N, C-alpha and C. Protein backbone atom coordinates (compact mmCIF):
# COMPACT_ATOMS: atom_id res chain seq x y z
N MET A 1 0.72 -1.01 0.08
CA MET A 1 -0.08 -0.16 -0.19
C MET A 1 0.83 1.09 0.16
N THR A 2 0.78 1.79 -1.12
CA THR A 2 1.61 3.23 -1.26
C THR A 2 0.90 4.19 -0.95
N LYS A 3 1.69 5.52 -0.20
CA LYS A 3 1.09 6.47 0.31
C LYS A 3 1.48 7.53 -0.38
N PHE A 4 0.98 8.76 -0.70
CA PHE A 4 1.50 10.03 -0.77
C PHE A 4 0.95 11.26 -0.10
N ARG A 5 1.84 12.33 0.30
CA ARG A 5 1.47 13.35 0.86
C ARG A 5 0.18 14.16 -0.21
N GLY A 6 -0.93 14.13 0.10
CA GLY A 6 -1.68 14.61 -0.65
C GLY A 6 -2.40 16.10 -0.55
N PHE A 7 -3.02 16.55 -1.31
CA PHE A 7 -4.01 17.74 -1.60
C PHE A 7 -4.89 18.28 -2.92
N ILE A 8 -5.81 18.99 -2.47
CA ILE A 8 -6.62 19.64 -3.51
C ILE A 8 -6.55 20.92 -3.75
N ALA A 9 -6.36 21.19 -4.92
CA ALA A 9 -6.03 22.93 -5.01
C ALA A 9 -6.33 22.97 -6.53
N ILE A 10 -6.46 24.14 -6.35
CA ILE A 10 -6.42 25.39 -7.92
C ILE A 10 -5.00 25.86 -8.10
N ASP A 11 -4.38 25.35 -9.02
CA ASP A 11 -3.29 26.07 -9.01
C ASP A 11 -3.48 27.47 -9.68
N ILE A 12 -2.32 28.63 -9.65
CA ILE A 12 -2.69 29.84 -9.76
C ILE A 12 -1.47 30.40 -10.67
N GLU A 13 -1.84 31.33 -11.65
CA GLU A 13 -0.71 31.82 -12.38
C GLU A 13 -0.35 33.06 -11.64
N THR A 14 1.07 33.23 -11.68
CA THR A 14 1.96 34.60 -11.08
C THR A 14 1.81 35.59 -12.22
N ASN A 15 1.89 36.62 -11.71
CA ASN A 15 2.30 37.68 -12.88
C ASN A 15 3.16 38.86 -12.00
N GLN A 16 3.99 39.75 -13.07
CA GLN A 16 4.85 40.40 -12.43
C GLN A 16 4.47 41.28 -11.11
N LYS A 17 3.32 41.52 -10.88
CA LYS A 17 2.89 42.15 -9.40
C LYS A 17 3.18 41.26 -8.34
N THR A 18 2.76 40.29 -8.77
CA THR A 18 2.71 38.84 -7.48
C THR A 18 4.26 38.73 -7.42
N LYS A 19 5.05 38.74 -8.47
CA LYS A 19 6.49 38.42 -8.08
C LYS A 19 7.24 39.90 -7.42
N ASP A 20 6.67 40.89 -8.02
CA ASP A 20 7.17 41.91 -7.20
C ASP A 20 7.06 42.04 -5.62
N PHE A 21 5.45 41.80 -5.43
CA PHE A 21 5.24 41.60 -3.86
C PHE A 21 6.06 40.58 -2.99
N ILE A 22 6.56 39.47 -3.67
CA ILE A 22 7.31 38.17 -3.32
C ILE A 22 8.40 38.87 -2.81
N LYS A 23 9.16 39.39 -4.05
CA LYS A 23 10.43 40.17 -3.72
C LYS A 23 10.54 41.56 -2.91
N LYS A 24 9.51 42.01 -2.62
CA LYS A 24 9.52 42.89 -1.59
C LYS A 24 9.33 42.25 0.16
N ILE A 25 8.45 41.30 -0.03
CA ILE A 25 8.40 40.77 1.55
C ILE A 25 10.07 39.95 1.72
N GLY A 26 10.56 39.42 0.55
CA GLY A 26 11.98 38.84 0.85
C GLY A 26 13.08 39.95 1.29
N GLU A 27 12.67 41.08 0.98
CA GLU A 27 13.95 42.22 0.95
C GLU A 27 13.82 42.85 2.42
N THR A 28 12.48 42.44 3.30
CA THR A 28 12.41 43.10 4.57
C THR A 28 13.56 42.60 5.68
N GLY A 29 14.02 41.17 5.13
CA GLY A 29 14.96 40.58 6.06
C GLY A 29 14.54 39.89 7.05
N SER A 30 12.98 39.61 6.92
CA SER A 30 12.18 38.71 7.95
C SER A 30 12.19 37.38 7.54
N ASN A 31 12.36 36.53 8.92
CA ASN A 31 12.51 35.20 8.85
C ASN A 31 11.33 34.41 8.16
N LEU A 32 11.58 34.16 6.78
CA LEU A 32 10.33 33.79 5.96
C LEU A 32 10.86 32.52 4.91
N LYS A 33 9.99 31.70 4.73
CA LYS A 33 10.12 30.73 4.15
C LYS A 33 8.97 30.95 2.48
N ILE A 34 9.53 31.45 1.98
CA ILE A 34 8.36 32.10 0.53
C ILE A 34 8.08 30.88 -0.23
N VAL A 35 6.72 30.74 -0.75
CA VAL A 35 6.44 29.83 -1.73
C VAL A 35 6.98 30.03 -3.24
N GLU A 36 7.58 29.14 -3.87
CA GLU A 36 8.38 29.43 -5.06
C GLU A 36 6.68 29.83 -5.86
N PRO A 37 6.96 30.79 -6.89
CA PRO A 37 5.92 31.37 -7.94
C PRO A 37 5.52 30.09 -8.29
N GLN A 38 6.33 29.38 -9.02
CA GLN A 38 5.38 27.94 -9.59
C GLN A 38 4.33 27.10 -8.65
N ASN A 39 4.64 27.44 -7.22
CA ASN A 39 3.96 26.17 -6.38
C ASN A 39 3.05 26.90 -5.92
N ILE A 40 2.49 28.21 -6.14
CA ILE A 40 1.41 28.88 -5.82
C ILE A 40 -0.11 28.41 -6.26
N HIS A 41 -0.75 28.14 -4.85
CA HIS A 41 -2.02 27.58 -5.20
C HIS A 41 -3.06 28.01 -4.16
N ILE A 42 -4.41 27.66 -4.38
CA ILE A 42 -5.47 27.82 -3.55
C ILE A 42 -5.79 26.36 -3.01
N THR A 43 -5.60 25.91 -1.64
CA THR A 43 -5.80 24.82 -1.14
C THR A 43 -7.16 24.54 -0.76
N LEU A 44 -7.65 23.70 -1.73
CA LEU A 44 -9.25 23.55 -1.39
C LEU A 44 -9.36 22.49 -0.08
N LYS A 45 -8.40 21.64 -0.04
CA LYS A 45 -8.52 20.32 1.15
C LYS A 45 -7.12 19.58 1.13
N PHE A 46 -6.32 20.00 1.92
CA PHE A 46 -5.39 19.21 2.58
C PHE A 46 -5.48 17.80 2.96
N LEU A 47 -5.19 16.78 2.57
CA LEU A 47 -5.46 15.17 2.64
C LEU A 47 -4.29 14.69 3.63
N GLY A 48 -2.96 15.07 3.50
CA GLY A 48 -2.20 14.34 4.30
C GLY A 48 -1.81 12.97 3.53
N ASP A 49 -1.43 11.96 4.56
CA ASP A 49 -1.00 10.57 4.00
C ASP A 49 -2.20 9.89 3.19
N THR A 50 -1.99 9.78 1.99
CA THR A 50 -3.17 9.35 1.17
C THR A 50 -3.02 8.06 0.33
N ASP A 51 -3.77 7.22 0.38
CA ASP A 51 -3.69 5.69 -0.07
C ASP A 51 -3.51 5.79 -1.82
N GLU A 52 -2.61 5.70 -2.78
CA GLU A 52 -2.76 5.62 -3.99
C GLU A 52 -4.02 5.12 -4.84
N LYS A 53 -4.23 3.90 -3.71
CA LYS A 53 -5.82 3.41 -4.31
C LYS A 53 -6.75 4.21 -4.42
N LEU A 54 -6.81 5.21 -3.75
CA LEU A 54 -7.97 6.29 -3.76
C LEU A 54 -7.98 7.42 -4.85
N ILE A 55 -6.94 7.22 -5.55
CA ILE A 55 -6.73 8.53 -6.56
C ILE A 55 -7.99 8.36 -7.31
N GLU A 56 -8.67 7.35 -8.01
CA GLU A 56 -9.47 7.49 -8.95
C GLU A 56 -10.88 8.06 -8.11
N GLU A 57 -11.04 7.53 -6.90
CA GLU A 57 -12.36 8.10 -6.09
C GLU A 57 -12.39 9.59 -5.63
N ILE A 58 -10.84 10.12 -5.40
CA ILE A 58 -10.81 11.25 -5.22
C ILE A 58 -11.45 12.20 -6.35
N GLY A 59 -10.94 11.83 -7.35
CA GLY A 59 -11.04 11.99 -8.92
C GLY A 59 -12.81 12.40 -9.15
N GLN A 60 -13.57 11.43 -8.68
CA GLN A 60 -14.95 11.16 -8.60
C GLN A 60 -15.58 12.22 -7.65
N ILE A 61 -14.95 12.39 -6.53
CA ILE A 61 -15.40 13.28 -5.69
C ILE A 61 -15.32 14.77 -5.93
N ILE A 62 -14.33 14.93 -6.73
CA ILE A 62 -13.74 16.48 -7.19
C ILE A 62 -14.89 16.74 -8.18
N GLU A 63 -14.89 15.72 -9.30
CA GLU A 63 -15.90 15.70 -10.60
C GLU A 63 -17.72 16.34 -9.91
N LYS A 64 -17.81 15.54 -8.60
CA LYS A 64 -19.08 15.70 -8.24
C LYS A 64 -19.12 16.92 -7.72
N ALA A 65 -18.30 17.48 -7.13
CA ALA A 65 -18.28 19.08 -6.28
C ALA A 65 -18.50 19.89 -7.53
N VAL A 66 -17.80 19.64 -8.57
CA VAL A 66 -17.67 20.85 -9.77
C VAL A 66 -18.79 20.48 -10.97
N LYS A 67 -19.84 19.32 -10.81
CA LYS A 67 -20.67 19.20 -12.01
C LYS A 67 -21.65 20.41 -12.12
N GLU A 68 -22.16 21.08 -11.23
CA GLU A 68 -22.95 22.12 -11.60
C GLU A 68 -22.05 23.65 -11.89
N THR A 69 -20.99 23.20 -11.82
CA THR A 69 -19.93 24.45 -11.95
C THR A 69 -19.44 24.94 -13.10
N HIS A 70 -19.50 25.88 -13.77
CA HIS A 70 -18.40 26.21 -15.26
C HIS A 70 -17.46 26.88 -14.96
N SER A 71 -16.29 27.40 -15.73
CA SER A 71 -15.09 27.77 -15.22
C SER A 71 -15.79 29.48 -14.82
N PHE A 72 -14.71 29.95 -13.99
CA PHE A 72 -14.99 31.24 -13.46
C PHE A 72 -13.71 32.12 -13.04
N ASP A 73 -14.51 33.42 -12.83
CA ASP A 73 -13.23 34.35 -12.47
C ASP A 73 -13.02 34.66 -11.07
N ILE A 74 -11.53 34.60 -10.73
CA ILE A 74 -11.52 35.42 -9.49
C ILE A 74 -10.22 36.15 -9.51
N LYS A 75 -10.34 37.08 -8.68
CA LYS A 75 -9.60 38.17 -8.56
C LYS A 75 -8.59 38.14 -7.28
N LEU A 76 -6.92 38.19 -7.56
CA LEU A 76 -6.30 38.18 -6.43
C LEU A 76 -6.19 39.59 -5.97
N ILE A 77 -6.45 39.92 -4.67
CA ILE A 77 -6.63 41.30 -4.38
C ILE A 77 -6.17 41.42 -3.05
N GLY A 78 -5.35 42.48 -2.46
CA GLY A 78 -4.82 42.56 -1.08
C GLY A 78 -4.28 41.35 -0.74
N THR A 79 -3.57 42.01 0.78
CA THR A 79 -3.01 41.07 1.36
C THR A 79 -3.04 41.12 2.83
N GLY A 80 -2.48 40.01 3.47
CA GLY A 80 -2.94 39.55 4.79
C GLY A 80 -1.94 39.02 5.60
N VAL A 81 -2.43 38.78 6.86
CA VAL A 81 -1.51 37.57 7.57
C VAL A 81 -2.61 36.66 8.31
N PHE A 82 -2.04 35.42 8.77
CA PHE A 82 -2.68 34.46 9.59
C PHE A 82 -1.91 34.34 10.93
N PRO A 83 -1.99 34.38 12.02
CA PRO A 83 -3.68 34.62 12.60
C PRO A 83 -3.99 36.15 12.37
N ASN A 84 -2.90 37.07 13.02
CA ASN A 84 -2.97 38.40 13.34
C ASN A 84 -1.58 39.03 13.26
N PRO A 85 -1.71 40.18 13.22
CA PRO A 85 -0.40 40.99 12.84
C PRO A 85 0.45 41.05 14.29
N GLY A 86 -0.21 40.72 15.48
CA GLY A 86 0.81 40.47 16.38
C GLY A 86 1.07 39.23 16.71
N TYR A 87 1.03 38.25 15.77
CA TYR A 87 1.60 36.75 15.91
C TYR A 87 1.50 36.36 14.75
N ILE A 88 2.45 36.63 13.30
CA ILE A 88 2.28 36.30 11.82
C ILE A 88 3.03 34.93 12.04
N LYS A 89 1.88 33.83 11.31
CA LYS A 89 2.63 32.56 10.81
C LYS A 89 2.23 32.58 9.24
N ILE A 90 1.40 33.14 8.64
CA ILE A 90 1.41 33.03 7.20
C ILE A 90 1.14 34.56 6.72
N VAL A 91 1.78 34.71 5.59
CA VAL A 91 1.68 36.01 4.75
C VAL A 91 0.91 35.32 3.66
N TRP A 92 -0.47 36.10 3.23
CA TRP A 92 -1.31 35.59 2.15
C TRP A 92 -1.69 37.05 1.05
N ILE A 93 -2.08 36.41 -0.02
CA ILE A 93 -2.82 37.51 -1.09
C ILE A 93 -4.35 36.88 -1.08
N GLY A 94 -5.39 38.20 -0.93
CA GLY A 94 -6.61 37.60 -0.83
C GLY A 94 -7.36 37.34 -2.20
N ILE A 95 -8.47 36.70 -2.15
CA ILE A 95 -9.18 36.21 -3.18
C ILE A 95 -10.58 36.70 -3.27
N GLN A 96 -11.00 37.31 -4.19
CA GLN A 96 -12.43 37.27 -4.45
C GLN A 96 -13.32 36.76 -5.51
N ASP A 97 -14.23 35.97 -5.12
CA ASP A 97 -14.88 35.03 -5.98
C ASP A 97 -16.24 34.42 -6.03
N ASN A 98 -16.96 35.51 -5.37
CA ASN A 98 -18.35 35.37 -5.26
C ASN A 98 -18.90 34.05 -4.43
N GLY A 99 -17.86 33.19 -3.82
CA GLY A 99 -17.97 32.35 -2.91
C GLY A 99 -17.90 30.90 -3.47
N ILE A 100 -17.73 30.80 -4.52
CA ILE A 100 -17.75 29.72 -5.42
C ILE A 100 -16.74 28.62 -5.18
N ILE A 101 -15.52 29.32 -4.80
CA ILE A 101 -14.51 28.21 -4.16
C ILE A 101 -14.67 27.74 -2.89
N GLY A 102 -15.28 28.53 -1.92
CA GLY A 102 -15.77 28.02 -0.82
C GLY A 102 -16.65 26.92 -1.01
N GLU A 103 -17.99 26.93 -1.60
CA GLU A 103 -18.88 25.96 -1.87
C GLU A 103 -18.60 24.48 -2.38
N ILE A 104 -17.23 24.75 -3.15
CA ILE A 104 -16.62 23.79 -3.87
C ILE A 104 -15.86 22.69 -2.75
N ALA A 105 -15.12 23.64 -1.93
CA ALA A 105 -14.20 23.24 -0.81
C ALA A 105 -14.80 22.52 -0.02
N ASN A 106 -16.22 23.05 0.37
CA ASN A 106 -16.94 22.29 1.41
C ASN A 106 -17.78 21.20 0.76
N LYS A 107 -17.90 21.08 -0.60
CA LYS A 107 -18.62 19.56 -1.08
C LYS A 107 -17.41 18.62 -1.05
N ILE A 108 -16.44 19.16 -1.40
CA ILE A 108 -15.14 17.98 -1.03
C ILE A 108 -14.92 17.52 0.04
N ASP A 109 -15.11 18.51 0.96
CA ASP A 109 -14.80 18.33 2.77
C ASP A 109 -15.98 17.37 2.88
N GLU A 110 -17.32 17.40 2.82
CA GLU A 110 -18.15 16.61 3.22
C GLU A 110 -18.23 15.12 2.35
N GLN A 111 -17.69 14.91 1.08
CA GLN A 111 -17.80 13.87 0.33
C GLN A 111 -16.43 13.01 0.91
N ILE A 112 -15.55 13.67 1.15
CA ILE A 112 -14.15 13.15 1.30
C ILE A 112 -13.89 12.50 2.64
N HIS A 113 -14.62 12.93 3.62
CA HIS A 113 -14.75 12.40 4.69
C HIS A 113 -15.44 11.14 4.85
N LYS A 114 -15.88 10.45 3.59
CA LYS A 114 -16.75 9.13 3.71
C LYS A 114 -15.30 8.10 3.50
N LEU A 115 -14.34 8.78 2.91
CA LEU A 115 -13.00 8.10 2.31
C LEU A 115 -12.19 7.61 3.85
N GLY A 116 -12.37 8.43 4.81
CA GLY A 116 -11.96 8.54 5.83
C GLY A 116 -10.82 9.42 6.37
N PHE A 117 -10.92 10.52 5.50
CA PHE A 117 -10.22 11.73 6.00
C PHE A 117 -10.94 12.81 6.88
N GLU A 118 -10.04 13.52 7.79
CA GLU A 118 -10.81 14.35 8.69
C GLU A 118 -11.61 15.47 8.33
N ARG A 119 -12.33 15.95 8.73
CA ARG A 119 -13.44 16.85 8.37
C ARG A 119 -12.50 18.48 8.58
N ASP A 120 -12.48 19.28 8.05
CA ASP A 120 -11.93 20.39 8.11
C ASP A 120 -12.68 20.97 9.75
N LYS A 121 -11.63 21.66 10.56
CA LYS A 121 -11.98 22.25 11.52
C LYS A 121 -12.68 23.74 11.72
N ARG A 122 -11.75 24.52 10.90
CA ARG A 122 -11.78 25.55 10.76
C ARG A 122 -12.79 25.87 9.46
N GLN A 123 -13.65 26.83 9.43
CA GLN A 123 -14.56 27.37 8.37
C GLN A 123 -13.03 27.81 6.66
N PHE A 124 -13.55 27.59 5.72
CA PHE A 124 -12.85 27.39 4.61
C PHE A 124 -12.71 29.01 4.17
N SER A 125 -11.51 29.62 3.98
CA SER A 125 -10.92 30.75 3.78
C SER A 125 -10.05 30.99 2.52
N PRO A 126 -10.47 31.27 1.50
CA PRO A 126 -10.20 31.27 0.33
C PRO A 126 -8.75 32.17 0.27
N HIS A 127 -7.39 31.59 0.39
CA HIS A 127 -6.42 32.66 0.01
C HIS A 127 -5.24 31.99 -0.42
N LEU A 128 -4.27 33.02 -1.01
CA LEU A 128 -2.90 32.10 -1.38
C LEU A 128 -1.85 32.32 -0.49
N THR A 129 -1.47 31.40 0.15
CA THR A 129 -0.23 31.42 0.94
C THR A 129 1.00 31.85 0.21
N ILE A 130 1.69 32.94 0.65
CA ILE A 130 2.54 33.19 0.07
C ILE A 130 4.14 33.19 0.55
N ALA A 131 3.91 33.31 1.79
CA ALA A 131 5.27 32.87 2.96
C ALA A 131 4.60 32.29 3.88
N ARG A 132 5.30 31.65 4.79
CA ARG A 132 5.67 31.11 6.32
C ARG A 132 6.42 31.81 6.96
N VAL A 133 6.10 32.31 7.99
CA VAL A 133 6.91 33.32 8.99
C VAL A 133 7.45 32.26 10.21
N LYS A 134 8.85 32.29 10.04
CA LYS A 134 9.57 31.42 11.23
C LYS A 134 9.71 32.04 12.64
N SER A 135 9.59 33.56 12.71
CA SER A 135 10.11 34.28 13.93
C SER A 135 9.65 35.94 13.50
N ALA A 136 9.69 36.48 14.60
CA ALA A 136 9.08 37.83 14.56
C ALA A 136 10.24 38.83 14.04
N LYS A 137 11.29 38.22 13.64
CA LYS A 137 12.48 39.22 13.06
C LYS A 137 12.19 40.07 12.32
N ASN A 138 12.62 41.21 12.31
CA ASN A 138 11.76 42.25 11.19
C ASN A 138 10.37 42.47 10.70
N LYS A 139 9.36 41.93 11.76
CA LYS A 139 8.16 41.72 11.68
C LYS A 139 7.66 43.37 11.19
N ASP A 140 8.18 44.62 11.63
CA ASP A 140 7.65 45.98 11.45
C ASP A 140 7.89 46.21 9.82
N SER A 141 9.20 45.66 9.23
CA SER A 141 9.36 46.04 8.00
C SER A 141 8.41 45.01 6.89
N LEU A 142 8.18 44.04 7.55
CA LEU A 142 7.19 43.12 6.76
C LEU A 142 5.70 43.48 6.67
N ILE A 143 5.35 44.02 8.15
CA ILE A 143 4.09 45.04 7.99
C ILE A 143 3.81 45.87 7.05
N GLN A 144 5.20 46.78 7.02
CA GLN A 144 4.94 48.10 6.11
C GLN A 144 4.76 47.77 4.69
N VAL A 145 5.50 46.37 4.13
CA VAL A 145 5.22 46.02 2.99
C VAL A 145 4.01 45.50 2.79
N LEU A 146 3.12 44.82 3.77
CA LEU A 146 1.83 44.20 3.56
C LEU A 146 0.95 45.32 3.37
N ASN A 147 0.88 46.38 4.29
CA ASN A 147 0.57 47.60 4.26
C ASN A 147 0.36 48.39 2.99
N GLN A 148 1.60 48.08 2.15
CA GLN A 148 1.71 48.95 0.70
C GLN A 148 0.81 48.07 0.08
N TYR A 149 0.62 46.85 0.02
CA TYR A 149 -0.11 45.83 -0.83
C TYR A 149 -1.42 45.65 -0.59
N SER A 150 -2.13 46.46 0.63
CA SER A 150 -3.14 45.93 0.98
C SER A 150 -4.23 45.80 0.41
N ASP A 151 -4.11 47.08 -0.61
CA ASP A 151 -5.64 47.15 -1.52
C ASP A 151 -5.10 46.66 -3.00
N THR A 152 -3.94 46.06 -3.37
CA THR A 152 -3.46 45.87 -4.52
C THR A 152 -4.34 44.59 -5.26
N GLU A 153 -4.42 45.09 -6.78
CA GLU A 153 -5.24 43.93 -7.42
C GLU A 153 -4.12 43.38 -8.25
N PHE A 154 -3.64 42.18 -7.82
CA PHE A 154 -2.72 41.38 -8.57
C PHE A 154 -2.86 41.04 -9.95
N ILE A 155 -4.42 40.18 -10.01
CA ILE A 155 -4.56 39.35 -11.19
C ILE A 155 -5.80 39.08 -11.22
N ASN A 156 -6.59 39.33 -12.38
CA ASN A 156 -7.80 38.44 -12.73
C ASN A 156 -7.53 37.26 -13.33
N PHE A 157 -8.13 35.79 -12.83
CA PHE A 157 -7.61 34.99 -13.26
C PHE A 157 -8.90 33.68 -13.51
N LYS A 158 -8.95 33.27 -14.58
CA LYS A 158 -10.32 32.27 -14.76
C LYS A 158 -9.87 30.79 -14.11
N VAL A 159 -10.38 30.05 -13.38
CA VAL A 159 -10.26 28.80 -12.63
C VAL A 159 -10.87 27.86 -13.72
N GLU A 160 -10.41 26.99 -14.09
CA GLU A 160 -10.70 26.12 -15.24
C GLU A 160 -10.60 24.54 -14.76
N SER A 161 -9.75 24.39 -13.69
CA SER A 161 -9.92 23.10 -13.28
C SER A 161 -9.48 23.02 -11.80
N ILE A 162 -9.90 21.75 -10.94
CA ILE A 162 -9.22 21.47 -9.81
C ILE A 162 -8.17 20.29 -9.87
N LYS A 163 -7.09 20.27 -9.27
CA LYS A 163 -6.34 19.42 -9.14
C LYS A 163 -6.06 18.59 -7.91
N LEU A 164 -5.70 17.02 -8.04
CA LEU A 164 -5.30 16.22 -6.81
C LEU A 164 -3.85 16.51 -7.23
N LYS A 165 -3.18 16.77 -5.74
CA LYS A 165 -1.57 16.94 -6.22
C LYS A 165 -0.82 16.02 -4.83
N LYS A 166 0.24 15.75 -5.50
CA LYS A 166 1.13 15.00 -4.28
C LYS A 166 2.35 15.93 -4.23
N SER A 167 2.51 16.23 -2.95
CA SER A 167 3.84 16.56 -2.31
C SER A 167 4.77 16.01 -1.86
N GLU A 168 6.27 16.13 -2.59
CA GLU A 168 7.26 15.41 -1.88
C GLU A 168 8.18 16.68 -1.42
N LEU A 169 8.44 16.60 0.04
CA LEU A 169 9.47 17.36 0.97
C LEU A 169 10.53 17.11 0.69
N THR A 170 11.32 18.56 0.03
CA THR A 170 12.71 18.18 -0.24
C THR A 170 13.29 19.30 0.49
N PRO A 171 14.47 18.77 1.07
CA PRO A 171 15.54 20.02 1.97
C PRO A 171 15.41 21.68 0.58
N LYS A 172 15.41 21.63 -0.60
CA LYS A 172 14.97 22.70 -1.33
C LYS A 172 13.86 23.09 -1.41
N GLY A 173 12.62 22.45 -0.84
CA GLY A 173 11.20 22.93 -0.80
C GLY A 173 10.35 21.84 -1.57
N PRO A 174 9.25 21.93 -1.43
CA PRO A 174 8.06 20.79 -1.80
C PRO A 174 8.38 21.02 -3.30
N ILE A 175 8.11 19.66 -3.74
CA ILE A 175 7.80 19.51 -5.49
C ILE A 175 6.40 18.80 -5.16
N TYR A 176 5.35 19.48 -6.29
CA TYR A 176 4.53 19.57 -6.38
C TYR A 176 4.42 18.68 -7.77
N THR A 177 3.53 17.56 -7.86
CA THR A 177 2.74 16.63 -9.18
C THR A 177 1.48 16.78 -9.22
N THR A 178 1.06 16.85 -10.18
CA THR A 178 -0.53 16.83 -10.51
C THR A 178 -0.69 15.41 -10.79
N LEU A 179 -1.79 14.57 -9.93
CA LEU A 179 -2.01 13.19 -10.15
C LEU A 179 -3.27 13.12 -10.73
N LYS A 180 -4.19 14.04 -10.73
CA LYS A 180 -5.47 13.76 -11.37
C LYS A 180 -5.72 15.46 -11.74
N GLU A 181 -6.41 15.76 -12.79
CA GLU A 181 -6.94 17.10 -13.49
C GLU A 181 -8.25 17.17 -13.50
N ILE A 182 -9.26 17.48 -13.02
CA ILE A 182 -10.72 17.84 -13.21
C ILE A 182 -10.92 18.94 -14.07
N LYS A 183 -11.24 19.04 -15.10
CA LYS A 183 -11.82 20.28 -15.70
C LYS A 183 -13.23 20.77 -15.25
N ILE A 184 -13.26 22.28 -15.54
CA ILE A 184 -14.83 22.69 -15.05
C ILE A 184 -15.30 22.82 -16.23
């Protein structure tokens, strides 16, 4: 029984504005682990250790979750942090999507539970994780850059598929491989 570290996601294109933001937060001297631009995505459901035998069933669950949905537009806009500016763990870019992503994520979470995956404890909040913060070093500089970009419209993007992905953790960062792609 072979397992992989799995998650369900929407891959996101990055543009120059996004790359400029990533560069600016990197220049703050903050203790960050920045997500590589090619790895930026919206996580709909983190699965963790996943049996390879479930790939087809997971694909069917994704298909059911999007069967009444057509491709849709989202806007990447604004920046922020989780959990709060006093204690920063995640730097993110916000998403405007009329609630479609949340509906899909909730349908997946509801159905995938039947395969033995835990339900999400937190309410789904669509965002792009841009960096993980390792310590409070140069937090003020980081907050300054976040404030500069707080209302920035980064990109308008058409979502046309949902993907089941495999994450291989390496010393140089994660390597993501698409195992299944469901077109919307």
